[in-house]
Amino acid sequence: MSKNVIVIGAGPGGLASAMLLASKGYEVDVYEKNSFVGGRNGAIKQDGYTFDIGPTFLGMPEIAEELFEAAGKNLHDYVDLKELPMMYELKFKDKDVKMYRDPEQLKKEIERHFPGNGKGYERFMNDTRKKMDRLKPILQSPMDQYYQYISWKVLRALPQLSLGKSLYSVLSDYFTDHELRLSFTFQSKYLGMSPWECPGAFSILSFMEHEYGVFHPIGGVNQLSEAMAKVVRENGGKIHLSTGIKKLWLDGKNVKGVILENGERVSADEVVINGDFAHVMTNLVDDGVLKKYSKEKLSKKKYSCSTFMIYLGLDKKYDLPHHTILFADDYKKNVEEITKTMELSEDPSIYIQNASVTDPTLAPEGHSTLYVLAPVPNNMSEIDWADNQEDFKELVIRSLEERAGLEDIRSHIRFEKVLDPHQWETDFNIYKGATFNLGHQLTQMMALRPHNKFEELDHCWLVGGGTHPGSGLPTILESARITTSIMMKEDASRTSAAHREMEEAL
């Protein structure tokens, strides 16, 4: 029996789900409001320049490899991955620290800037390797029942969860220098959180980069979305671009399909939601239907920060690493401005991707692309971006000139696009512009996060950063594997039961 599944959103979670389901014989229709696939993992293409919209590197490629293999394909037939030997350069007020993948090279760099801390790096990697081994089964399995907290995999992982400790506190056990601790905790920004508030269990984020490497797909990380979309189509799935969803088609708590923006109703046996969770539940579901995740309750949840983006096409190439991070002089103050006082910083931290040093396909010959990101408060801050966008953009550009050494950059800009938190909310349907979704406090993780098999509606499934295991490209891909695995197991169980009943009847 072939089942029809509708996937709302062609982001990486939705595409991975569609790819897996289509390969197993499901009739899959993906509906995407944009004219391109990928969502935040899509691309901006203009005047010969190509930019990733959101994620700028692929970590733990083994997850993508396994998903493609499960769909009967080889990732490397679709995507050309280049590992970066120097993962990123970290610029502090008085030093530039190069973070190498090679452990011996990195230890030398650590000792050069932070004498006596090389052994701390070794201890961190050895200890966190054990932590990752214990946490992996949790990150790769459903966590939608409270009794699972006393399962062996969770009890076994408890000593590694660093309960009661922040990420910064955990790294303080290994490194004596504040800036070196920041070098292994800034990854909390991938979750839109402060290292002083992010749970200590997330020390696995920096470990994953150092252990598994940082990879650039030629053409940009958007090529992963393009590849998954291609596999969906090769396996018989359909992707409907420029086709937005107005509402879920509900009969009580039962999801019967979707209502398109043009009013057409499309039925389905199951619906997988890859849209931003809080946005979908406040806009695609009528008031009064949801209890646990009503509009009122969602408005009281904790959300990640947002990001201020500048995409620059330049008629020049700069001698800047593939990835660079400019740390604010007072990083803790900067983080608190983003997550607590909710105000624009006068000294922002800034991430720069200069991918053209690795990938000549992203710009015309002799030209380059710069992707610039500054973490900022989400829209609960009520910052008026119509009034503040230009001034903040100027502040960021000035930082590139003064702190990254790009003194003449203004004269070389041939293309410019800005995305602020308001635009993230309106153009990409991201609740409150919180680009990293629901916060990752322990009170909003595992069974306390919206479940992969959504608990409030029947025949409704979730993938993406708003469900287990959380935000970040590798975990979003895992969410698709978890969700589709539950669905297929339930279908197999029903089919087996039906066969037994038929045999008994005969």
Protein backbone atom coordinates (compact mmCIF):
# COMPACT_ATOMS: atom_id res chain seq x y z
CA MET A 1 0.00 0.00 0.00
CA SER A 2 1.48 3.33 -1.08
CA LYS A 3 0.98 6.24 1.31
CA ASN A 4 0.88 9.87 0.31
CA VAL A 5 2.99 12.21 2.44
CA ILE A 6 3.02 16.00 2.19
CA VAL A 7 6.14 17.80 3.37
CA ILE A 8 5.71 21.47 4.24
CA GLY A 9 8.93 23.31 3.45
CA ALA A 10 11.94 22.38 1.31
CA GLY A 11 14.52 23.15 3.98
CA PRO A 12 17.20 20.54 4.72
CA GLY A 13 14.98 18.68 7.22
CA GLY A 14 12.08 18.53 4.80
CA LEU A 15 14.23 17.52 1.86
CA ALA A 16 16.01 14.82 3.86
CA SER A 17 12.63 13.45 4.99
CA ALA A 18 11.27 13.52 1.44
CA MET A 19 14.40 11.83 0.13
CA LEU A 20 14.18 8.99 2.65
CA LEU A 21 10.43 8.46 2.24
CA ALA A 22 10.43 8.63 -1.56
CA SER A 23 13.22 6.04 -1.69
CA LYS A 24 11.01 3.65 0.29
CA GLY A 25 8.05 3.93 -2.07
CA TYR A 26 6.01 6.68 -0.39
CA GLU A 27 4.27 9.17 -2.66
CA VAL A 28 5.87 12.42 -1.57
CA ASP A 29 4.87 16.00 -2.37
CA VAL A 30 6.98 18.84 -1.02
CA TYR A 31 5.41 22.31 -0.94
CA GLU A 32 7.77 25.29 -0.74
CA LYS A 33 6.68 28.92 -0.74
CA ASN A 34 10.00 30.15 -2.16
CA SER A 35 11.06 29.77 -5.78
CA PHE A 36 14.12 27.78 -4.68
CA VAL A 37 14.85 24.81 -2.43
CA GLY A 38 16.77 24.93 0.83
CA GLY A 39 15.00 27.62 2.86
CA ARG A 40 17.74 29.02 5.11
CA ASN A 41 20.02 26.44 3.49
CA GLY A 42 19.34 27.90 0.07
CA ALA A 43 21.34 30.34 -2.04
CA ILE A 44 21.29 33.98 -3.09
CA LYS A 45 22.45 34.29 -6.71
CA GLN A 46 22.94 37.67 -8.34
CA ASP A 47 25.29 39.23 -10.88
CA GLY A 48 27.47 36.11 -11.01
CA TYR A 49 27.83 35.92 -7.21
CA THR A 50 26.54 32.99 -5.13
CA PHE A 51 26.01 33.15 -1.36
CA ASP A 52 24.72 30.61 1.12
CA ILE A 53 21.78 32.18 2.92
CA GLY A 54 22.41 30.46 6.24
CA PRO A 55 24.77 27.56 7.10
CA THR A 56 28.25 28.09 5.65
CA PHE A 57 29.94 24.75 6.30
CA LEU A 58 29.06 21.10 6.60
CA GLY A 59 30.07 19.33 9.79
CA MET A 60 29.85 15.59 10.48
CA PRO A 61 29.40 14.72 6.78
CA GLU A 62 28.96 11.10 7.82
CA ILE A 63 25.33 11.91 8.69
CA ALA A 64 24.60 13.18 5.18
CA GLU A 65 26.49 10.21 3.74
CA GLU A 66 24.33 7.79 5.73
CA LEU A 67 21.10 9.51 4.67
CA PHE A 68 22.03 9.35 1.00
CA GLU A 69 23.05 5.71 1.39
CA ALA A 70 19.67 4.97 3.02
CA ALA A 71 18.06 6.54 -0.06
CA GLY A 72 20.12 4.31 -2.33
CA LYS A 73 22.55 7.04 -3.38
CA ASN A 74 26.13 8.20 -2.79
CA LEU A 75 26.47 11.76 -1.44
CA HIS A 76 29.77 12.23 -3.24
CA ASP A 77 28.13 11.63 -6.62
CA TYR A 78 26.17 14.84 -5.97
CA VAL A 79 28.36 17.06 -3.77
CA ASP A 80 32.09 17.85 -3.99
CA LEU A 81 33.29 18.31 -0.40
CA LYS A 82 36.54 20.11 0.44
CA GLU A 83 37.90 19.86 3.97
CA LEU A 84 39.45 23.03 5.41
CA PRO A 85 42.85 22.26 7.05
CA MET A 86 42.62 25.59 8.89
CA MET A 87 39.01 25.59 10.07
CA TYR A 88 38.83 29.25 11.09
CA GLU A 89 40.87 32.15 12.40
CA LEU A 90 39.79 33.84 15.63
CA LYS A 91 40.69 37.51 15.97
CA PHE A 92 40.95 38.88 19.50
CA LYS A 93 42.09 42.35 20.52
CA ASP A 94 45.78 41.42 20.72
CA LYS A 95 46.10 38.09 18.90
CA ASP A 96 44.96 36.08 15.90
CA VAL A 97 44.51 32.38 16.65
CA LYS A 98 44.44 29.86 13.80
CA MET A 99 42.33 26.80 14.62
CA TYR A 100 43.78 23.88 12.69
CA ARG A 101 42.15 20.48 12.21
CA ASP A 102 45.50 18.73 12.72
CA PRO A 103 45.88 18.18 16.51
CA GLU A 104 49.66 18.62 16.60
CA GLN A 105 49.54 21.81 14.57
CA LEU A 106 46.73 23.15 16.78
CA LYS A 107 48.61 22.31 19.99
CA LYS A 108 51.59 24.31 18.74
CA GLU A 109 49.27 27.25 18.00
CA ILE A 110 47.69 26.98 21.45
CA GLU A 111 51.10 26.88 23.15
CA ARG A 112 52.25 29.88 21.08
CA HIS A 113 49.38 32.06 22.29
CA PHE A 114 48.40 30.36 25.56
CA PRO A 115 51.49 28.68 27.04
CA GLY A 116 50.80 25.60 29.13
CA ASN A 117 47.33 24.89 27.67
CA GLY A 118 48.24 22.29 25.05
CA LYS A 119 47.64 19.44 27.50
CA GLY A 120 44.23 20.92 28.30
CA TYR A 121 43.29 20.56 24.64
CA GLU A 122 44.27 16.88 24.72
CA ARG A 123 42.21 16.30 27.87
CA PHE A 124 39.24 18.15 26.36
CA MET A 125 39.28 16.01 23.24
CA ASN A 126 39.70 12.74 25.14
CA ASP A 127 36.97 13.53 27.66
CA THR A 128 34.52 14.92 25.09
CA ARG A 129 35.07 11.93 22.84
CA LYS A 130 33.62 9.82 25.66
CA LYS A 131 30.80 12.35 26.13
CA MET A 132 29.98 12.21 22.41
CA ASP A 133 29.92 8.43 22.53
CA ARG A 134 27.33 8.55 25.33
CA LEU A 135 25.23 11.35 23.84
CA LYS A 136 25.08 10.07 20.25
CA PRO A 137 22.38 7.44 20.98
CA ILE A 138 20.19 10.20 22.48
CA LEU A 139 20.75 12.53 19.52
CA GLN A 140 19.93 9.74 17.06
CA SER A 141 16.83 8.34 18.78
CA PRO A 142 13.31 9.57 19.54
CA MET A 143 12.97 11.29 22.92
CA ASP A 144 9.24 11.82 23.18
CA GLN A 145 8.30 9.99 26.39
CA TYR A 146 9.30 10.91 29.92
CA TYR A 147 9.99 7.28 30.80
CA GLN A 148 12.86 7.46 28.30
CA TYR A 149 14.74 9.59 30.83
CA ILE A 150 15.31 6.42 32.84
CA SER A 151 16.30 4.33 29.84
CA TRP A 152 19.79 2.84 29.84
CA LYS A 153 21.05 5.16 27.07
CA VAL A 154 20.04 8.23 29.11
CA LEU A 155 21.24 6.91 32.48
CA ARG A 156 24.53 5.97 30.83
CA ALA A 157 24.85 9.51 29.45
CA LEU A 158 23.90 11.35 32.66
CA PRO A 159 27.46 11.65 34.01
CA GLN A 160 28.45 13.23 30.68
CA LEU A 161 25.66 15.84 30.58
CA SER A 162 27.52 18.31 32.81
CA LEU A 163 24.24 19.04 34.57
CA GLY A 164 24.27 22.35 36.41
CA LYS A 165 27.31 23.61 34.49
CA SER A 166 27.37 26.10 31.65
CA LEU A 167 29.40 25.54 28.51
CA TYR A 168 31.91 28.21 29.60
CA SER A 169 32.24 26.54 32.99
CA VAL A 170 32.97 23.16 31.38
CA LEU A 171 35.76 24.64 29.23
CA SER A 172 37.19 26.35 32.31
CA ASP A 173 38.06 22.84 33.55
CA TYR A 174 40.48 22.50 30.63
CA PHE A 175 41.84 25.95 29.82
CA THR A 176 43.26 28.70 32.04
CA ASP A 177 42.90 31.57 29.56
CA HIS A 178 39.61 33.38 28.95
CA GLU A 179 40.20 33.83 25.21
CA LEU A 180 41.08 30.16 24.77
CA ARG A 181 37.86 29.19 26.54
CA LEU A 182 35.98 31.42 24.10
CA SER A 183 37.75 29.63 21.24
CA PHE A 184 35.98 26.43 22.25
CA THR A 185 32.65 27.91 23.38
CA PHE A 186 31.70 30.42 20.68
CA GLN A 187 29.92 27.51 18.93
CA SER A 188 27.02 28.10 21.36
CA LYS A 189 26.11 30.83 18.86
CA TYR A 190 25.12 28.02 16.47
CA LEU A 191 22.25 27.54 18.91
CA GLY A 192 21.75 31.28 19.34
CA MET A 193 22.81 31.08 23.00
CA SER A 194 25.36 32.52 25.40
CA PRO A 195 28.24 30.22 26.49
CA TRP A 196 27.49 31.33 30.04
CA GLU A 197 23.92 30.01 29.74
CA CYS A 198 24.27 27.20 27.20
CA PRO A 199 24.16 23.77 28.90
CA GLY A 200 27.59 22.22 29.38
CA ALA A 201 26.58 19.15 27.37
CA PHE A 202 27.04 21.26 24.23
CA SER A 203 30.82 21.11 24.57
CA ILE A 204 30.28 18.49 21.87
CA LEU A 205 29.79 21.31 19.34
CA SER A 206 33.43 22.40 19.23
CA PHE A 207 34.54 18.80 19.65
CA MET A 208 32.60 17.82 16.51
CA GLU A 209 34.50 20.39 14.46
CA HIS A 210 37.90 19.33 15.77
CA GLU A 211 37.14 15.61 15.59
CA TYR A 212 35.25 15.34 12.29
CA GLY A 213 36.45 18.44 10.45
CA VAL A 214 34.85 21.40 8.69
CA PHE A 215 33.89 20.93 5.03
CA HIS A 216 32.94 23.27 2.21
CA PRO A 217 30.80 21.89 -0.63
CA ILE A 218 31.90 23.42 -3.94
CA GLY A 219 29.12 25.81 -4.93
CA GLY A 220 28.21 26.37 -1.27
CA VAL A 221 26.38 24.44 1.42
CA ASN A 222 23.20 25.12 -0.56
CA GLN A 223 24.43 22.31 -2.83
CA LEU A 224 23.42 19.81 -0.15
CA SER A 225 19.82 21.01 -0.49
CA GLU A 226 20.06 20.90 -4.28
CA ALA A 227 21.43 17.35 -4.08
CA MET A 228 18.67 16.13 -1.78
CA ALA A 229 16.04 17.74 -4.02
CA LYS A 230 17.54 15.93 -7.00
CA VAL A 231 17.36 12.59 -5.16
CA VAL A 232 13.74 13.29 -4.16
CA ARG A 233 12.83 13.74 -7.82
CA GLU A 234 14.92 10.75 -8.95
CA ASN A 235 12.99 8.60 -6.48
CA GLY A 236 9.62 9.80 -7.77
CA GLY A 237 8.90 12.61 -5.33
CA LYS A 238 7.50 15.98 -6.41
CA ILE A 239 8.65 19.41 -5.26
CA HIS A 240 6.20 22.27 -5.77
CA LEU A 241 8.09 25.57 -5.65
CA SER A 242 6.43 28.99 -5.23
CA THR A 243 3.52 27.15 -3.59
CA GLY A 244 2.89 28.30 -0.05
CA ILE A 245 0.66 26.71 2.57
CA LYS A 246 -2.15 28.82 4.03
CA LYS A 247 -3.40 26.37 6.70
CA LEU A 248 -3.23 22.79 7.83
CA TRP A 249 -6.40 21.00 6.71
CA LEU A 250 -7.84 19.80 10.00
CA ASP A 251 -10.77 17.67 11.07
CA GLY A 252 -10.67 18.23 14.80
CA LYS A 253 -7.16 17.10 15.79
CA ASN A 254 -6.74 15.03 12.64
CA VAL A 255 -4.54 16.49 9.88
CA LYS A 256 -6.14 15.56 6.56
CA GLY A 257 -3.71 17.51 4.38
CA VAL A 258 -3.01 21.16 3.61
CA ILE A 259 -4.82 24.20 2.26
CA LEU A 260 -2.64 26.02 -0.27
CA GLU A 261 -2.42 29.81 -0.43
CA ASN A 262 -4.65 29.70 -3.53
CA GLY A 263 -7.35 27.94 -1.49
CA GLU A 264 -6.86 24.47 -2.99
CA ARG A 265 -7.11 21.56 -0.55
CA VAL A 266 -4.59 18.74 -0.97
CA SER A 267 -5.16 15.57 1.02
CA ALA A 268 -2.46 13.32 2.49
CA ASP A 269 -2.15 10.32 4.76
CA GLU A 270 0.62 12.07 6.73
CA VAL A 271 1.97 15.63 6.88
CA VAL A 272 5.58 16.43 7.76
CA ILE A 273 6.19 20.01 8.89
CA ASN A 274 9.59 21.51 8.13
CA GLY A 275 8.51 25.14 8.60
CA ASP A 276 9.69 27.15 11.59
CA PHE A 277 7.81 25.47 14.45
CA ALA A 278 6.44 28.50 16.30
CA HIS A 279 5.54 30.28 13.06
CA VAL A 280 3.63 27.27 11.76
CA MET A 281 1.72 26.69 14.99
CA THR A 282 0.73 30.36 15.29
CA ASN A 283 -0.18 30.87 11.63
CA LEU A 284 -1.16 27.55 10.02
CA VAL A 285 -3.31 26.29 12.89
CA ASP A 286 -6.49 28.09 13.99
CA ASP A 287 -6.80 29.48 17.52
CA GLY A 288 -8.17 27.07 20.10
CA VAL A 289 -6.90 23.88 18.45
CA LEU A 290 -3.60 23.62 20.31
CA LYS A 291 -3.26 23.57 24.09
CA LYS A 292 0.38 22.76 24.89
CA TYR A 293 1.62 24.97 22.06
CA SER A 294 -1.07 27.66 21.87
CA LYS A 295 -0.11 31.15 20.70
CA GLU A 296 -0.05 32.35 24.29
CA LYS A 297 2.21 29.54 25.48
CA LEU A 298 4.52 29.82 22.50
CA SER A 299 4.98 33.53 23.19
CA LYS A 300 6.36 32.61 26.64
CA LYS A 301 8.92 30.09 25.37
CA LYS A 302 12.62 30.91 25.19
CA TYR A 303 14.01 31.60 21.75
CA SER A 304 17.45 31.94 20.20
CA CYS A 305 19.01 35.20 19.15
CA SER A 306 18.79 36.51 15.59
CA THR A 307 21.41 37.48 13.04
CA PHE A 308 22.19 40.57 10.99
CA MET A 309 23.47 39.53 7.57
CA ILE A 310 25.41 41.35 4.86
CA TYR A 311 26.18 39.57 1.58
CA LEU A 312 28.85 41.38 -0.47
CA GLY A 313 29.98 40.74 -4.03
CA LEU A 314 33.44 42.27 -4.51
CA ASP A 315 35.55 43.00 -7.59
CA LYS A 316 38.61 41.97 -5.61
CA LYS A 317 39.97 38.97 -3.70
CA TYR A 318 41.17 39.47 -0.14
CA ASP A 319 43.88 37.55 1.70
CA LEU A 320 41.49 36.46 4.42
CA PRO A 321 40.87 32.87 5.62
CA HIS A 322 37.77 30.94 4.55
CA HIS A 323 36.23 31.51 8.02
CA THR A 324 37.12 34.39 10.37
CA ILE A 325 35.55 35.48 13.66
CA LEU A 326 36.09 38.95 15.11
CA PHE A 327 35.48 38.84 18.85
CA ALA A 328 34.13 41.89 20.64
CA ASP A 329 36.65 43.34 23.11
CA ASP A 330 34.15 42.58 25.89
CA TYR A 331 32.60 39.40 24.54
CA LYS A 332 30.51 38.69 27.63
CA LYS A 333 28.96 42.15 27.50
CA ASN A 334 28.24 41.68 23.79
CA VAL A 335 26.53 38.34 24.46
CA GLU A 336 24.45 39.80 27.29
CA GLU A 337 23.34 42.64 25.01
CA ILE A 338 22.15 40.05 22.51
CA THR A 339 20.43 37.63 24.91
CA LYS A 340 19.53 39.59 28.06
CA THR A 341 19.28 43.36 27.73
CA MET A 342 18.18 42.93 24.08
CA GLU A 343 19.95 45.96 22.65
CA LEU A 344 22.24 46.62 19.72
CA SER A 345 25.89 46.42 20.65
CA GLU A 346 28.36 49.17 19.82
CA ASP A 347 31.08 46.51 19.71
CA PRO A 348 29.58 43.48 17.95
CA SER A 349 31.22 40.14 17.35
CA ILE A 350 31.27 39.34 13.65
CA TYR A 351 31.66 36.19 11.57
CA ILE A 352 33.10 36.47 8.04
CA GLN A 353 33.09 33.82 5.34
CA ASN A 354 35.51 34.45 2.49
CA ALA A 355 34.67 31.23 0.62
CA SER A 356 36.19 32.36 -2.68
CA VAL A 357 39.65 31.44 -1.34
CA THR A 358 38.48 27.82 -1.54
CA ASP A 359 35.79 27.92 -4.20
CA PRO A 360 36.26 29.90 -7.46
CA THR A 361 32.73 29.02 -8.65
CA LEU A 362 31.10 31.55 -6.30
CA ALA A 363 32.14 34.73 -8.12
CA PRO A 364 33.33 35.93 -11.53
CA GLU A 365 37.07 35.61 -12.19
CA GLY A 366 39.05 38.06 -10.07
CA HIS A 367 36.01 38.71 -7.87
CA SER A 368 34.95 37.25 -4.52
CA THR A 369 32.04 36.93 -2.12
CA LEU A 370 31.95 37.94 1.53
CA TYR A 371 29.26 36.61 3.87
CA VAL A 372 29.09 38.70 7.04
CA LEU A 373 27.05 37.80 10.12
CA ALA A 374 26.61 39.64 13.41
CA PRO A 375 24.49 37.99 16.15
CA VAL A 376 21.80 40.42 17.36
CA PRO A 377 18.67 40.23 19.57
CA ASN A 378 15.58 38.56 18.15
CA ASN A 379 12.43 40.60 17.55
CA MET A 380 11.19 40.28 21.11
CA SER A 381 13.60 43.19 21.58
CA GLU A 382 11.21 45.40 19.56
CA ILE A 383 14.20 47.03 17.88
CA ASP A 384 12.97 49.15 14.96
CA TRP A 385 15.10 47.84 12.10
CA ALA A 386 13.69 50.33 9.64
CA ASP A 387 15.45 53.02 11.71
CA ASN A 388 18.51 50.98 12.73
CA GLN A 389 19.48 48.88 9.72
CA GLU A 390 21.65 51.43 7.94
CA ASP A 391 23.52 52.57 11.07
CA PHE A 392 24.21 49.00 12.18
CA LYS A 393 25.35 48.04 8.69
CA GLU A 394 27.81 50.94 8.76
CA LEU A 395 29.09 49.79 12.15
CA VAL A 396 29.69 46.27 10.80
CA ILE A 397 31.41 47.53 7.63
CA ARG A 398 33.62 49.77 9.77
CA SER A 399 34.57 46.72 11.84
CA LEU A 400 35.58 44.90 8.66
CA GLU A 401 37.81 47.83 7.73
CA GLU A 402 39.41 48.32 11.13
CA ARG A 403 39.49 44.83 12.63
CA ALA A 404 39.70 42.53 9.62
CA GLY A 405 42.09 44.73 7.65
CA LEU A 406 39.72 45.29 4.71
CA GLU A 407 40.52 48.99 4.56
CA ASP A 408 39.38 49.65 0.99
CA ILE A 409 36.36 47.36 0.94
CA ARG A 410 33.75 50.03 0.23
CA SER A 411 35.29 50.88 -3.14
CA HIS A 412 35.15 47.22 -4.23
CA ILE A 413 31.50 46.43 -3.44
CA ARG A 414 29.60 45.54 -6.62
CA PHE A 415 26.66 43.72 -5.00
CA GLU A 416 25.16 44.13 -1.55
CA LYS A 417 22.23 42.52 0.21
CA VAL A 418 21.23 42.93 3.87
CA LEU A 419 18.96 40.68 5.94
CA ASP A 420 17.96 41.92 9.39
CA PRO A 421 15.81 40.16 12.05
CA HIS A 422 12.64 41.81 10.77
CA GLN A 423 13.31 40.41 7.30
CA TRP A 424 14.06 36.96 8.73
CA GLU A 425 10.58 37.08 10.27
CA THR A 426 8.69 38.46 7.27
CA ASP A 427 10.58 36.97 4.32
CA PHE A 428 11.49 33.59 5.80
CA ASN A 429 8.58 33.09 8.23
CA ILE A 430 10.85 32.76 11.27
CA TYR A 431 9.06 33.38 14.57
CA LYS A 432 10.36 36.62 16.11
CA GLY A 433 13.31 36.41 13.72
CA ALA A 434 14.92 33.80 16.04
CA THR A 435 17.11 32.25 13.36
CA PHE A 436 18.20 29.30 15.53
CA ASN A 437 14.64 28.41 16.60
CA LEU A 438 13.52 27.54 20.12
CA GLY A 439 16.25 27.96 22.73
CA HIS A 440 18.25 24.93 23.80
CA GLN A 441 17.86 25.23 27.54
CA LEU A 442 17.46 21.83 29.23
CA THR A 443 13.80 22.78 29.86
CA GLN A 444 13.30 22.80 26.07
CA MET A 445 15.33 19.74 25.08
CA MET A 446 14.66 16.04 24.46
CA ALA A 447 11.13 15.10 25.60
CA LEU A 448 10.53 18.74 26.59
CA ARG A 449 10.97 19.87 22.97
CA PRO A 450 8.09 19.47 20.47
CA HIS A 451 8.05 15.79 19.57
CA ASN A 452 9.06 14.38 16.18
CA LYS A 453 5.64 12.72 16.07
CA PHE A 454 3.77 15.86 17.02
CA GLU A 455 1.86 15.25 20.20
CA GLU A 456 -1.04 17.66 19.63
CA LEU A 457 -2.21 16.62 16.15
CA ASP A 458 -2.74 13.23 14.51
CA HIS A 459 -0.91 12.31 11.30
CA CYS A 460 1.41 15.27 11.89
CA TRP A 461 5.20 15.05 12.09
CA LEU A 462 7.99 17.54 12.76
CA VAL A 463 11.48 17.92 11.39
CA GLY A 464 13.95 20.78 11.68
CA GLY A 465 15.44 22.82 14.50
CA GLY A 466 12.18 23.09 16.44
CA THR A 467 12.01 19.40 17.31
CA HIS A 468 14.42 16.82 18.74
CA PRO A 469 17.44 16.82 18.63
CA GLY A 470 17.62 20.59 17.88
CA SER A 471 19.18 23.28 15.68
CA GLY A 472 22.26 23.03 13.49
CA LEU A 473 22.55 21.32 10.11
CA PRO A 474 23.76 17.89 11.37
CA THR A 475 21.03 17.69 14.03
CA ILE A 476 18.36 18.87 11.59
CA LEU A 477 19.36 16.00 9.29
CA GLU A 478 19.14 13.68 12.30
CA SER A 479 15.63 14.96 13.01
CA ALA A 480 14.59 13.81 9.53
CA ARG A 481 16.09 10.38 10.10
CA ILE A 482 14.35 10.04 13.49
CA THR A 483 10.96 11.25 12.23
CA THR A 484 10.87 9.12 9.09
CA SER A 485 12.11 6.10 11.01
CA ILE A 486 9.21 6.34 13.48
CA MET A 487 6.72 6.79 10.63
CA MET A 488 8.03 3.82 8.65
CA LYS A 489 8.16 1.57 11.72
CA GLU A 490 4.55 2.40 12.56
CA ASP A 491 3.50 1.71 8.98
CA ALA A 492 5.39 -1.60 8.95
CA SER A 493 3.75 -2.57 12.24
CA ARG A 494 0.27 -1.76 10.89
CA THR A 495 0.97 -3.70 7.71
CA SER A 496 2.15 -6.72 9.69
CA ALA A 497 -0.95 -6.57 11.89
CA ALA A 498 -3.18 -6.38 8.82
CA HIS A 499 -1.46 -9.40 7.30
CA ARG A 500 -1.93 -11.36 10.50
CA GLU A 501 -5.62 -10.50 10.61
CA MET A 502 -5.99 -11.59 6.98
CA GLU A 503 -4.19 -14.87 7.62
CA GLU A 504 -6.35 -15.54 10.67
CA ALA A 505 -9.49 -14.80 8.68
CA LEU A 506 -8.40 -17.28 6.04
